[in-house]
Amino acid sequence: MTREELIAFALNLPEATESAHFERRAFRVRGRIFMTLPGGDYCVVRLKPDQQKMALAIAPDVTVVVPGGWGERGATRLYHAAADDRTVHDLVQQGWKNAAPKSLISKEE
């Protein structure tokens, strides 16, 4: 998936917005970050640690734990340029769900 396609998908999620986070592009839902774009060929999605383990098991060639404390809490690099669209959609949407308030998630289900 191209960077432009990834951005379009992220911004198409309910109430998603884009703003800077430490000079990086960040995507938020109601002020909470669900994805950042720190690199050219990868994004960082906000997963829970158990979701991260699953992502690493299912897509080991395109997912990596972010080094340090954020990675221990679930921050996961997703190499979107090398991943299939379904994997990207699933992981970004999961990051969105992790950041979105429950009231917004229930409206979408």
PDB file of N, CA and C in Angstrom:
ATOM      1  N   MET A   1       0.846  -1.170   0.000  1.00  0.00           N
ATOM      2  CA  MET A   1       0.000   0.000   0.000  1.00  0.00           C
ATOM      3  C   MET A   1       0.894   1.236   0.000  1.00  0.00           C
ATOM      4  N   THR A   2       0.562   2.182  -0.835  1.00  0.00           N
ATOM      5  CA  THR A   2       1.362   3.402  -0.901  1.00  0.00           C
ATOM      6  C   THR A   2       1.088   4.291   0.311  1.00  0.00           C
ATOM      7  N   ARG A   3       1.973   5.211   0.543  1.00  0.00           N
ATOM      8  CA  ARG A   3       1.819   6.175   1.644  1.00  0.00           C
ATOM      9  C   ARG A   3       0.530   6.982   1.466  1.00  0.00           C
ATOM     10  N   GLU A   4       0.251   7.393   0.240  1.00  0.00           N
ATOM     11  CA  GLU A   4      -0.948   8.188  -0.041  1.00  0.00           C
ATOM     12  C   GLU A   4      -2.220   7.383   0.226  1.00  0.00           C
ATOM     13  N   GLU A   5      -2.212   6.107  -0.146  1.00  0.00           N
ATOM     14  CA  GLU A   5      -3.366   5.236   0.116  1.00  0.00           C
ATOM     15  C   GLU A   5      -3.558   5.032   1.626  1.00  0.00           C
ATOM     16  N   LEU A   6      -2.455   4.867   2.340  1.00  0.00           N
ATOM     17  CA  LEU A   6      -2.515   4.710   3.790  1.00  0.00           C
ATOM     18  C   LEU A   6      -3.119   5.946   4.445  1.00  0.00           C
ATOM     19  N   ILE A   7      -2.656   7.110   4.041  1.00  0.00           N
ATOM     20  CA  ILE A   7      -3.177   8.367   4.590  1.00  0.00           C
ATOM     21  C   ILE A   7      -4.660   8.509   4.299  1.00  0.00           C
ATOM     22  N   ALA A   8      -5.052   8.218   3.081  1.00  0.00           N
ATOM     23  CA  ALA A   8      -6.471   8.309   2.710  1.00  0.00           C
ATOM     24  C   ALA A   8      -7.313   7.350   3.541  1.00  0.00           C
ATOM     25  N   PHE A   9      -6.835   6.132   3.739  1.00  0.00           N
ATOM     26  CA  PHE A   9      -7.573   5.169   4.544  1.00  0.00           C
ATOM     27  C   PHE A   9      -7.711   5.662   5.981  1.00  0.00           C
ATOM     28  N   ALA A  10      -6.610   6.106   6.566  1.00  0.00           N
ATOM     29  CA  ALA A  10      -6.635   6.576   7.960  1.00  0.00           C
ATOM     30  C   ALA A  10      -7.602   7.741   8.132  1.00  0.00           C
ATOM     31  N   LEU A  11      -7.569   8.681   7.202  1.00  0.00           N
ATOM     32  CA  LEU A  11      -8.441   9.857   7.319  1.00  0.00           C
ATOM     33  C   LEU A  11      -9.904   9.542   7.022  1.00  0.00           C
ATOM     34  N   ASN A  12     -10.154   8.391   6.428  1.00  0.00           N
ATOM     35  CA  ASN A  12     -11.528   7.984   6.148  1.00  0.00           C
ATOM     36  C   ASN A  12     -12.191   7.294   7.353  1.00  0.00           C
ATOM     37  N   LEU A  13     -11.406   6.969   8.373  1.00  0.00           N
ATOM     38  CA  LEU A  13     -11.977   6.380   9.580  1.00  0.00           C
ATOM     39  C   LEU A  13     -12.793   7.450  10.317  1.00  0.00           C
ATOM     40  N   PRO A  14     -13.839   7.054  11.028  1.00  0.00           N
ATOM     41  CA  PRO A  14     -14.718   8.035  11.676  1.00  0.00           C
ATOM     42  C   PRO A  14     -13.965   9.013  12.590  1.00  0.00           C
ATOM     43  N   GLU A  15     -14.220  10.278  12.363  1.00  0.00           N
ATOM     44  CA  GLU A  15     -13.672  11.388  13.153  1.00  0.00           C
ATOM     45  C   GLU A  15     -12.149  11.450  13.171  1.00  0.00           C
ATOM     46  N   ALA A  16     -11.499  10.824  12.209  1.00  0.00           N
ATOM     47  CA  ALA A  16     -10.035  10.868  12.142  1.00  0.00           C
ATOM     48  C   ALA A  16      -9.577  12.229  11.643  1.00  0.00           C
ATOM     49  N   THR A  17      -8.515  12.718  12.257  1.00  0.00           N
ATOM     50  CA  THR A  17      -7.899  13.980  11.860  1.00  0.00           C
ATOM     51  C   THR A  17      -6.390  13.790  11.797  1.00  0.00           C
ATOM     52  N   GLU A  18      -5.735  14.718  11.130  1.00  0.00           N
ATOM     53  CA  GLU A  18      -4.280  14.681  11.048  1.00  0.00           C
ATOM     54  C   GLU A  18      -3.716  15.922  11.710  1.00  0.00           C
ATOM     55  N   SER A  19      -2.654  15.745  12.490  1.00  0.00           N
ATOM     56  CA  SER A  19      -1.940  16.866  13.092  1.00  0.00           C
ATOM     57  C   SER A  19      -0.519  16.411  13.414  1.00  0.00           C
ATOM     58  N   ALA A  20       0.332  17.353  13.701  1.00  0.00           N
ATOM     59  CA  ALA A  20       1.727  17.029  13.983  1.00  0.00           C
ATOM     60  C   ALA A  20       1.890  16.492  15.399  1.00  0.00           C
ATOM     61  N   HIS A  21       2.859  15.599  15.544  1.00  0.00           N
ATOM     62  CA  HIS A  21       3.259  15.075  16.854  1.00  0.00           C
ATOM     63  C   HIS A  21       4.775  14.979  16.822  1.00  0.00           C
ATOM     64  N   PHE A  22       5.442  15.897  17.521  1.00  0.00           N
ATOM     65  CA  PHE A  22       6.901  15.965  17.495  1.00  0.00           C
ATOM     66  C   PHE A  22       7.430  15.983  16.061  1.00  0.00           C
ATOM     67  N   GLU A  23       6.867  16.857  15.267  1.00  0.00           N
ATOM     68  CA  GLU A  23       7.262  17.084  13.869  1.00  0.00           C
ATOM     69  C   GLU A  23       7.025  15.868  12.962  1.00  0.00           C
ATOM     70  N   ARG A  24       6.166  14.971  13.394  1.00  0.00           N
ATOM     71  CA  ARG A  24       5.776  13.823  12.566  1.00  0.00           C
ATOM     72  C   ARG A  24       4.287  13.900  12.300  1.00  0.00           C
ATOM     73  N   ARG A  25       3.879  13.332  11.204  1.00  0.00           N
ATOM     74  CA  ARG A  25       2.449  13.284  10.904  1.00  0.00           C
ATOM     75  C   ARG A  25       1.792  12.300  11.856  1.00  0.00           C
ATOM     76  N   ALA A  26       0.710  12.734  12.477  1.00  0.00           N
ATOM     77  CA  ALA A  26      -0.015  11.884  13.415  1.00  0.00           C
ATOM     78  C   ALA A  26      -1.492  11.898  13.062  1.00  0.00           C
ATOM     79  N   PHE A  27      -2.131  10.769  13.271  1.00  0.00           N
ATOM     80  CA  PHE A  27      -3.551  10.619  12.980  1.00  0.00           C
ATOM     81  C   PHE A  27      -4.248  10.307  14.294  1.00  0.00           C
ATOM     82  N   ARG A  28      -5.303  11.079  14.550  1.00  0.00           N
ATOM     83  CA  ARG A  28      -5.973  11.026  15.842  1.00  0.00           C
ATOM     84  C   ARG A  28      -7.466  10.818  15.671  1.00  0.00           C
ATOM     85  N   VAL A  29      -8.063  10.313  16.734  1.00  0.00           N
ATOM     86  CA  VAL A  29      -9.509  10.277  16.847  1.00  0.00           C
ATOM     87  C   VAL A  29      -9.836  10.926  18.190  1.00  0.00           C
ATOM     88  N   ARG A  30     -10.590  12.002  18.128  1.00  0.00           N
ATOM     89  CA  ARG A  30     -10.931  12.792  19.318  1.00  0.00           C
ATOM     90  C   ARG A  30      -9.704  13.089  20.175  1.00  0.00           C
ATOM     91  N   GLY A  31      -8.639  13.489  19.504  1.00  0.00           N
ATOM     92  CA  GLY A  31      -7.429  13.921  20.190  1.00  0.00           C
ATOM     93  C   GLY A  31      -6.439  12.832  20.557  1.00  0.00           C
ATOM     94  N   ARG A  32      -6.806  11.577  20.398  1.00  0.00           N
ATOM     95  CA  ARG A  32      -5.913  10.474  20.767  1.00  0.00           C
ATOM     96  C   ARG A  32      -5.276   9.866  19.523  1.00  0.00           C
ATOM     97  N   ILE A  33      -3.973   9.712  19.558  1.00  0.00           N
ATOM     98  CA  ILE A  33      -3.227   9.194  18.409  1.00  0.00           C
ATOM     99  C   ILE A  33      -3.487   7.702  18.220  1.00  0.00           C
ATOM    100  N   PHE A  34      -3.771   7.331  16.960  1.00  0.00           N
ATOM    101  CA  PHE A  34      -3.881   5.911  16.629  1.00  0.00           C
ATOM    102  C   PHE A  34      -2.811   5.481  15.631  1.00  0.00           C
ATOM    103  N   MET A  35      -2.153   6.448  14.952  1.00  0.00           N
ATOM    104  CA  MET A  35      -1.113   6.111  13.984  1.00  0.00           C
ATOM    105  C   MET A  35      -0.225   7.326  13.756  1.00  0.00           C
ATOM    106  N   THR A  36       1.067   7.076  13.561  1.00  0.00           N
ATOM    107  CA  THR A  36       1.995   8.134  13.158  1.00  0.00           C
ATOM    108  C   THR A  36       2.754   7.676  11.918  1.00  0.00           C
ATOM    109  N   LEU A  37       3.332   8.654  11.229  1.00  0.00           N
ATOM    110  CA  LEU A  37       4.139   8.362  10.034  1.00  0.00           C
ATOM    111  C   LEU A  37       5.564   8.910  10.232  1.00  0.00           C
ATOM    112  N   PRO A  38       6.399   8.188  10.968  1.00  0.00           N
ATOM    113  CA  PRO A  38       7.760   8.659  11.183  1.00  0.00           C
ATOM    114  C   PRO A  38       8.727   8.332  10.057  1.00  0.00           C
ATOM    115  N   GLY A  39       8.418   7.328   9.251  1.00  0.00           N
ATOM    116  CA  GLY A  39       9.333   6.900   8.203  1.00  0.00           C
ATOM    117  C   GLY A  39       8.659   6.868   6.855  1.00  0.00           C
ATOM    118  N   GLY A  40       9.452   6.760   5.814  1.00  0.00           N
ATOM    119  CA  GLY A  40       8.905   6.759   4.470  1.00  0.00           C
ATOM    120  C   GLY A  40       8.149   5.502   4.100  1.00  0.00           C
ATOM    121  N   ASP A  41       8.594   4.361   4.591  1.00  0.00           N
ATOM    122  CA  ASP A  41       7.970   3.110   4.176  1.00  0.00           C
ATOM    123  C   ASP A  41       7.242   2.399   5.319  1.00  0.00           C
ATOM    124  N   TYR A  42       7.120   3.061   6.468  1.00  0.00           N
ATOM    125  CA  TYR A  42       6.389   2.440   7.567  1.00  0.00           C
ATOM    126  C   TYR A  42       5.604   3.482   8.356  1.00  0.00           C
ATOM    127  N   CYS A  43       4.611   2.975   9.076  1.00  0.00           N
ATOM    128  CA  CYS A  43       3.863   3.789  10.016  1.00  0.00           C
ATOM    129  C   CYS A  43       3.975   3.105  11.375  1.00  0.00           C
ATOM    130  N   VAL A  44       3.538   3.786  12.412  1.00  0.00           N
ATOM    131  CA  VAL A  44       3.479   3.183  13.740  1.00  0.00           C
ATOM    132  C   VAL A  44       2.026   3.185  14.161  1.00  0.00           C
ATOM    133  N   VAL A  45       1.505   2.009  14.491  1.00  0.00           N
ATOM    134  CA  VAL A  45       0.111   1.888  14.928  1.00  0.00           C
ATOM    135  C   VAL A  45       0.071   1.592  16.417  1.00  0.00           C
ATOM    136  N   ARG A  46      -0.983   2.103  17.040  1.00  0.00           N
ATOM    137  CA  ARG A  46      -1.169   1.942  18.476  1.00  0.00           C
ATOM    138  C   ARG A  46      -1.965   0.652  18.733  1.00  0.00           C
ATOM    139  N   LEU A  47      -1.249  -0.392  19.084  1.00  0.00           N
ATOM    140  CA  LEU A  47      -1.881  -1.663  19.414  1.00  0.00           C
ATOM    141  C   LEU A  47      -1.729  -1.917  20.907  1.00  0.00           C
ATOM    142  N   LYS A  48      -2.508  -2.835  21.416  1.00  0.00           N
ATOM    143  CA  LYS A  48      -2.324  -3.314  22.776  1.00  0.00           C
ATOM    144  C   LYS A  48      -1.283  -4.425  22.706  1.00  0.00           C
ATOM    145  N   PRO A  49      -0.571  -4.704  23.803  1.00  0.00           N
ATOM    146  CA  PRO A  49       0.486  -5.722  23.741  1.00  0.00           C
ATOM    147  C   PRO A  49       0.024  -7.081  23.201  1.00  0.00           C
ATOM    148  N   ASP A  50      -1.166  -7.530  23.566  1.00  0.00           N
ATOM    149  CA  ASP A  50      -1.628  -8.819  23.042  1.00  0.00           C
ATOM    150  C   ASP A  50      -1.933  -8.735  21.547  1.00  0.00           C
ATOM    151  N   GLN A  51      -2.428  -7.594  21.090  1.00  0.00           N
ATOM    152  CA  GLN A  51      -2.680  -7.389  19.661  1.00  0.00           C
ATOM    153  C   GLN A  51      -1.360  -7.335  18.899  1.00  0.00           C
ATOM    154  N   GLN A  52      -0.370  -6.715  19.515  1.00  0.00           N
ATOM    155  CA  GLN A  52       0.950  -6.636  18.903  1.00  0.00           C
ATOM    156  C   GLN A  52       1.535  -8.035  18.706  1.00  0.00           C
ATOM    157  N   LYS A  53       1.430  -8.889  19.725  1.00  0.00           N
ATOM    158  CA  LYS A  53       1.932 -10.260  19.610  1.00  0.00           C
ATOM    159  C   LYS A  53       1.249 -10.991  18.465  1.00  0.00           C
ATOM    160  N   MET A  54      -0.048 -10.789  18.334  1.00  0.00           N
ATOM    161  CA  MET A  54      -0.801 -11.426  17.250  1.00  0.00           C
ATOM    162  C   MET A  54      -0.326 -10.906  15.896  1.00  0.00           C
ATOM    163  N   ALA A  55      -0.150  -9.580  15.786  1.00  0.00           N
ATOM    164  CA  ALA A  55       0.315  -8.991  14.526  1.00  0.00           C
ATOM    165  C   ALA A  55       1.693  -9.530  14.144  1.00  0.00           C
ATOM    166  N   LEU A  56       2.579  -9.647  15.135  1.00  0.00           N
ATOM    167  CA  LEU A  56       3.923 -10.169  14.871  1.00  0.00           C
ATOM    168  C   LEU A  56       3.871 -11.625  14.424  1.00  0.00           C
ATOM    169  N   ALA A  57       2.924 -12.391  14.958  1.00  0.00           N
ATOM    170  CA  ALA A  57       2.793 -13.799  14.576  1.00  0.00           C
ATOM    171  C   ALA A  57       2.181 -13.954  13.187  1.00  0.00           C
ATOM    172  N   ILE A  58       1.192 -13.116  12.884  1.00  0.00           N
ATOM    173  CA  ILE A  58       0.473 -13.230  11.616  1.00  0.00           C
ATOM    174  C   ILE A  58       1.237 -12.591  10.457  1.00  0.00           C
ATOM    175  N   ALA A  59       1.883 -11.462  10.732  1.00  0.00           N
ATOM    176  CA  ALA A  59       2.569 -10.720   9.664  1.00  0.00           C
ATOM    177  C   ALA A  59       4.005 -10.368  10.081  1.00  0.00           C
ATOM    178  N   PRO A  60       4.847 -11.371  10.330  1.00  0.00           N
ATOM    179  CA  PRO A  60       6.196 -11.095  10.835  1.00  0.00           C
ATOM    180  C   PRO A  60       7.106 -10.355   9.854  1.00  0.00           C
ATOM    181  N   ASP A  61       6.793 -10.421   8.574  1.00  0.00           N
ATOM    182  CA  ASP A  61       7.642  -9.764   7.584  1.00  0.00           C
ATOM    183  C   ASP A  61       7.382  -8.263   7.482  1.00  0.00           C
ATOM    184  N   VAL A  62       6.252  -7.802   8.010  1.00  0.00           N
ATOM    185  CA  VAL A  62       5.886  -6.384   7.855  1.00  0.00           C
ATOM    186  C   VAL A  62       5.590  -5.675   9.174  1.00  0.00           C
ATOM    187  N   THR A  63       5.773  -6.359  10.311  1.00  0.00           N
ATOM    188  CA  THR A  63       5.555  -5.734  11.616  1.00  0.00           C
ATOM    189  C   THR A  63       6.773  -5.916  12.503  1.00  0.00           C
ATOM    190  N   VAL A  64       7.069  -4.868  13.293  1.00  0.00           N
ATOM    191  CA  VAL A  64       8.212  -4.878  14.205  1.00  0.00           C
ATOM    192  C   VAL A  64       7.821  -4.074  15.439  1.00  0.00           C
ATOM    193  N   VAL A  65       8.263  -4.525  16.604  1.00  0.00           N
ATOM    194  CA  VAL A  65       8.035  -3.782  17.840  1.00  0.00           C
ATOM    195  C   VAL A  65       8.876  -2.507  17.808  1.00  0.00           C
ATOM    196  N   VAL A  66       8.278  -1.371  18.150  1.00  0.00           N
ATOM    197  CA  VAL A  66       9.026  -0.116  18.258  1.00  0.00           C
ATOM    198  C   VAL A  66      10.005  -0.272  19.426  1.00  0.00           C
ATOM    199  N   PRO A  67      11.282   0.091  19.244  1.00  0.00           N
ATOM    200  CA  PRO A  67      12.248  -0.053  20.329  1.00  0.00           C
ATOM    201  C   PRO A  67      11.866   0.793  21.555  1.00  0.00           C
ATOM    202  N   GLY A  68      12.140   0.268  22.733  1.00  0.00           N
ATOM    203  CA  GLY A  68      11.928   1.019  23.966  1.00  0.00           C
ATOM    204  C   GLY A  68      10.573   0.805  24.604  1.00  0.00           C
ATOM    205  N   GLY A  69      10.250   1.692  25.508  1.00  0.00           N
ATOM    206  CA  GLY A  69       9.037   1.587  26.304  1.00  0.00           C
ATOM    207  C   GLY A  69       7.748   1.634  25.520  1.00  0.00           C
ATOM    208  N   TRP A  70       7.699   2.463  24.477  1.00  0.00           N
ATOM    209  CA  TRP A  70       6.468   2.531  23.686  1.00  0.00           C
ATOM    210  C   TRP A  70       6.178   1.196  23.016  1.00  0.00           C
ATOM    211  N   GLY A  71       7.212   0.534  22.560  1.00  0.00           N
ATOM    212  CA  GLY A  71       7.032  -0.771  21.944  1.00  0.00           C
ATOM    213  C   GLY A  71       6.540  -1.807  22.936  1.00  0.00           C
ATOM    214  N   GLU A  72       7.019  -1.721  24.172  1.00  0.00           N
ATOM    215  CA  GLU A  72       6.565  -2.637  25.219  1.00  0.00           C
ATOM    216  C   GLU A  72       5.079  -2.435  25.515  1.00  0.00           C
ATOM    217  N   ARG A  73       4.568  -1.234  25.240  1.00  0.00           N
ATOM    218  CA  ARG A  73       3.149  -0.929  25.467  1.00  0.00           C
ATOM    219  C   ARG A  73       2.299  -1.191  24.229  1.00  0.00           C
ATOM    220  N   GLY A  74       2.917  -1.672  23.140  1.00  0.00           N
ATOM    221  CA  GLY A  74       2.144  -2.051  21.967  1.00  0.00           C
ATOM    222  C   GLY A  74       2.420  -1.265  20.698  1.00  0.00           C
ATOM    223  N   ALA A  75       3.219  -0.214  20.770  1.00  0.00           N
ATOM    224  CA  ALA A  75       3.523   0.551  19.557  1.00  0.00           C
ATOM    225  C   ALA A  75       4.247  -0.359  18.562  1.00  0.00           C
ATOM    226  N   THR A  76       3.706  -0.421  17.350  1.00  0.00           N
ATOM    227  CA  THR A  76       4.166  -1.391  16.366  1.00  0.00           C
ATOM    228  C   THR A  76       4.439  -0.736  15.021  1.00  0.00           C
ATOM    229  N   ARG A  77       5.623  -0.969  14.490  1.00  0.00           N
ATOM    230  CA  ARG A  77       5.919  -0.504  13.135  1.00  0.00           C
ATOM    231  C   ARG A  77       5.226  -1.434  12.144  1.00  0.00           C
ATOM    232  N   LEU A  78       4.596  -0.810  11.181  1.00  0.00           N
ATOM    233  CA  LEU A  78       3.935  -1.546  10.106  1.00  0.00           C
ATOM    234  C   LEU A  78       4.515  -1.055   8.787  1.00  0.00           C
ATOM    235  N   TYR A  79       5.208  -1.925   8.091  1.00  0.00           N
ATOM    236  CA  TYR A  79       5.808  -1.576   6.804  1.00  0.00           C
ATOM    237  C   TYR A  79       4.732  -1.698   5.728  1.00  0.00           C
ATOM    238  N   HIS A  80       3.965  -0.627   5.603  1.00  0.00           N
ATOM    239  CA  HIS A  80       2.779  -0.613   4.739  1.00  0.00           C
ATOM    240  C   HIS A  80       3.111  -0.807   3.272  1.00  0.00           C
ATOM    241  N   ALA A  81       4.274  -0.375   2.843  1.00  0.00           N
ATOM    242  CA  ALA A  81       4.639  -0.508   1.431  1.00  0.00           C
ATOM    243  C   ALA A  81       4.818  -1.979   1.042  1.00  0.00           C
ATOM    244  N   ALA A  82       5.196  -2.818   2.001  1.00  0.00           N
ATOM    245  CA  ALA A  82       5.416  -4.232   1.722  1.00  0.00           C
ATOM    246  C   ALA A  82       4.231  -5.114   2.133  1.00  0.00           C
ATOM    247  N   ALA A  83       3.301  -4.541   2.872  1.00  0.00           N
ATOM    248  CA  ALA A  83       2.167  -5.320   3.393  1.00  0.00           C
ATOM    249  C   ALA A  83       1.002  -5.345   2.410  1.00  0.00           C
ATOM    250  N   ASP A  84       0.184  -6.388   2.515  1.00  0.00           N
ATOM    251  CA  ASP A  84      -1.025  -6.415   1.702  1.00  0.00           C
ATOM    252  C   ASP A  84      -2.059  -5.467   2.311  1.00  0.00           C
ATOM    253  N   ASP A  85      -2.985  -5.026   1.479  1.00  0.00           N
ATOM    254  CA  ASP A  85      -3.970  -4.029   1.906  1.00  0.00           C
ATOM    255  C   ASP A  85      -4.779  -4.495   3.111  1.00  0.00           C
ATOM    256  N   ARG A  86      -5.155  -5.746   3.141  1.00  0.00           N
ATOM    257  CA  ARG A  86      -5.979  -6.265   4.255  1.00  0.00           C
ATOM    258  C   ARG A  86      -5.250  -6.130   5.582  1.00  0.00           C
ATOM    259  N   THR A  87      -3.968  -6.484   5.605  1.00  0.00           N
ATOM    260  CA  THR A  87      -3.182  -6.375   6.835  1.00  0.00           C
ATOM    261  C   THR A  87      -3.109  -4.927   7.289  1.00  0.00           C
ATOM    262  N   VAL A  88      -2.827  -4.025   6.366  1.00  0.00           N
ATOM    263  CA  VAL A  88      -2.748  -2.607   6.709  1.00  0.00           C
ATOM    264  C   VAL A  88      -4.085  -2.118   7.244  1.00  0.00           C
ATOM    265  N   HIS A  89      -5.153  -2.413   6.536  1.00  0.00           N
ATOM    266  CA  HIS A  89      -6.487  -1.977   6.976  1.00  0.00           C
ATOM    267  C   HIS A  89      -6.811  -2.515   8.363  1.00  0.00           C
ATOM    268  N   ASP A  90      -6.570  -3.804   8.584  1.00  0.00           N
ATOM    269  CA  ASP A  90      -6.900  -4.416   9.870  1.00  0.00           C
ATOM    270  C   ASP A  90      -6.121  -3.785  11.023  1.00  0.00           C
ATOM    271  N   LEU A  91      -4.820  -3.589  10.839  1.00  0.00           N
ATOM    272  CA  LEU A  91      -3.998  -3.065  11.926  1.00  0.00           C
ATOM    273  C   LEU A  91      -4.257  -1.578  12.187  1.00  0.00           C
ATOM    274  N   VAL A  92      -4.426  -0.802  11.138  1.00  0.00           N
ATOM    275  CA  VAL A  92      -4.727   0.626  11.337  1.00  0.00           C
ATOM    276  C   VAL A  92      -6.099   0.794  11.978  1.00  0.00           C
ATOM    277  N   GLN A  93      -7.056   0.004  11.521  1.00  0.00           N
ATOM    278  CA  GLN A  93      -8.389   0.082  12.116  1.00  0.00           C
ATOM    279  C   GLN A  93      -8.360  -0.364  13.578  1.00  0.00           C
ATOM    280  N   GLN A  94      -7.551  -1.354  13.902  1.00  0.00           N
ATOM    281  CA  GLN A  94      -7.430  -1.771  15.304  1.00  0.00           C
ATOM    282  C   GLN A  94      -6.809  -0.654  16.133  1.00  0.00           C
ATOM    283  N   GLY A  95      -5.810   0.022  15.584  1.00  0.00           N
ATOM    284  CA  GLY A  95      -5.236   1.168  16.285  1.00  0.00           C
ATOM    285  C   GLY A  95      -6.266   2.252  16.525  1.00  0.00           C
ATOM    286  N   TRP A  96      -7.104   2.497  15.515  1.00  0.00           N
ATOM    287  CA  TRP A  96      -8.180   3.489  15.652  1.00  0.00           C
ATOM    288  C   TRP A  96      -9.126   3.069  16.776  1.00  0.00           C
ATOM    289  N   LYS A  97      -9.520   1.811  16.805  1.00  0.00           N
ATOM    290  CA  LYS A  97     -10.428   1.322  17.850  1.00  0.00           C
ATOM    291  C   LYS A  97      -9.806   1.454  19.236  1.00  0.00           C
ATOM    292  N   ASN A  98      -8.504   1.243  19.329  1.00  0.00           N
ATOM    293  CA  ASN A  98      -7.827   1.364  20.619  1.00  0.00           C
ATOM    294  C   ASN A  98      -7.808   2.805  21.117  1.00  0.00           C
ATOM    295  N   ALA A  99      -7.813   3.752  20.212  1.00  0.00           N
ATOM    296  CA  ALA A  99      -7.765   5.167  20.589  1.00  0.00           C
ATOM    297  C   ALA A  99      -9.146   5.798  20.707  1.00  0.00           C
ATOM    298  N   ALA A 100     -10.121   5.271  19.996  1.00  0.00           N
ATOM    299  CA  ALA A 100     -11.458   5.875  19.959  1.00  0.00           C
ATOM    300  C   ALA A 100     -12.234   5.598  21.246  1.00  0.00           C
ATOM    301  N   PRO A 101     -13.089   6.531  21.632  1.00  0.00           N
ATOM    302  CA  PRO A 101     -13.943   6.268  22.791  1.00  0.00           C
ATOM    303  C   PRO A 101     -14.955   5.165  22.472  1.00  0.00           C
ATOM    304  N   LYS A 102     -15.353   4.432  23.484  1.00  0.00           N
ATOM    305  CA  LYS A 102     -16.274   3.309  23.293  1.00  0.00           C
ATOM    306  C   LYS A 102     -17.582   3.752  22.654  1.00  0.00           C
ATOM    307  N   SER A 103     -18.030   4.960  22.980  1.00  0.00           N
ATOM    308  CA  SER A 103     -19.290   5.443  22.412  1.00  0.00           C
ATOM    309  C   SER A 103     -19.197   5.589  20.892  1.00  0.00           C
ATOM    310  N   LEU A 104     -18.050   5.980  20.378  1.00  0.00           N
ATOM    311  CA  LEU A 104     -17.864   6.118  18.937  1.00  0.00           C
ATOM    312  C   LEU A 104     -17.746   4.753  18.267  1.00  0.00           C
ATOM    313  N   ILE A 105     -17.059   3.831  18.922  1.00  0.00           N
ATOM    314  CA  ILE A 105     -16.902   2.482  18.371  1.00  0.00           C
ATOM    315  C   ILE A 105     -18.260   1.795  18.262  1.00  0.00           C
ATOM    316  N   SER A 106     -19.086   1.929  19.270  1.00  0.00           N
ATOM    317  CA  SER A 106     -20.393   1.272  19.246  1.00  0.00           C
ATOM    318  C   SER A 106     -21.279   1.821  18.142  1.00  0.00           C
ATOM    319  N   LYS A 107     -21.113   3.081  17.770  1.00  0.00           N
ATOM    320  CA  LYS A 107     -21.874   3.668  16.654  1.00  0.00           C
ATOM    321  C   LYS A 107     -21.471   3.035  15.326  1.00  0.00           C
ATOM    322  N   GLU A 108     -20.214   2.624  15.219  1.00  0.00           N
ATOM    323  CA  GLU A 108     -19.672   2.104  13.963  1.00  0.00           C
ATOM    324  C   GLU A 108     -19.916   0.606  13.803  1.00  0.00           C
ATOM    325  N   GLU A 109     -20.256  -0.090  14.855  1.00  0.00           N
ATOM    326  CA  GLU A 109     -20.408  -1.556  14.755  1.00  0.00           C
ATOM    327  C   GLU A 109     -21.808  -1.954  14.414  1.00  0.00           C
TER     328      GLU A 109
END
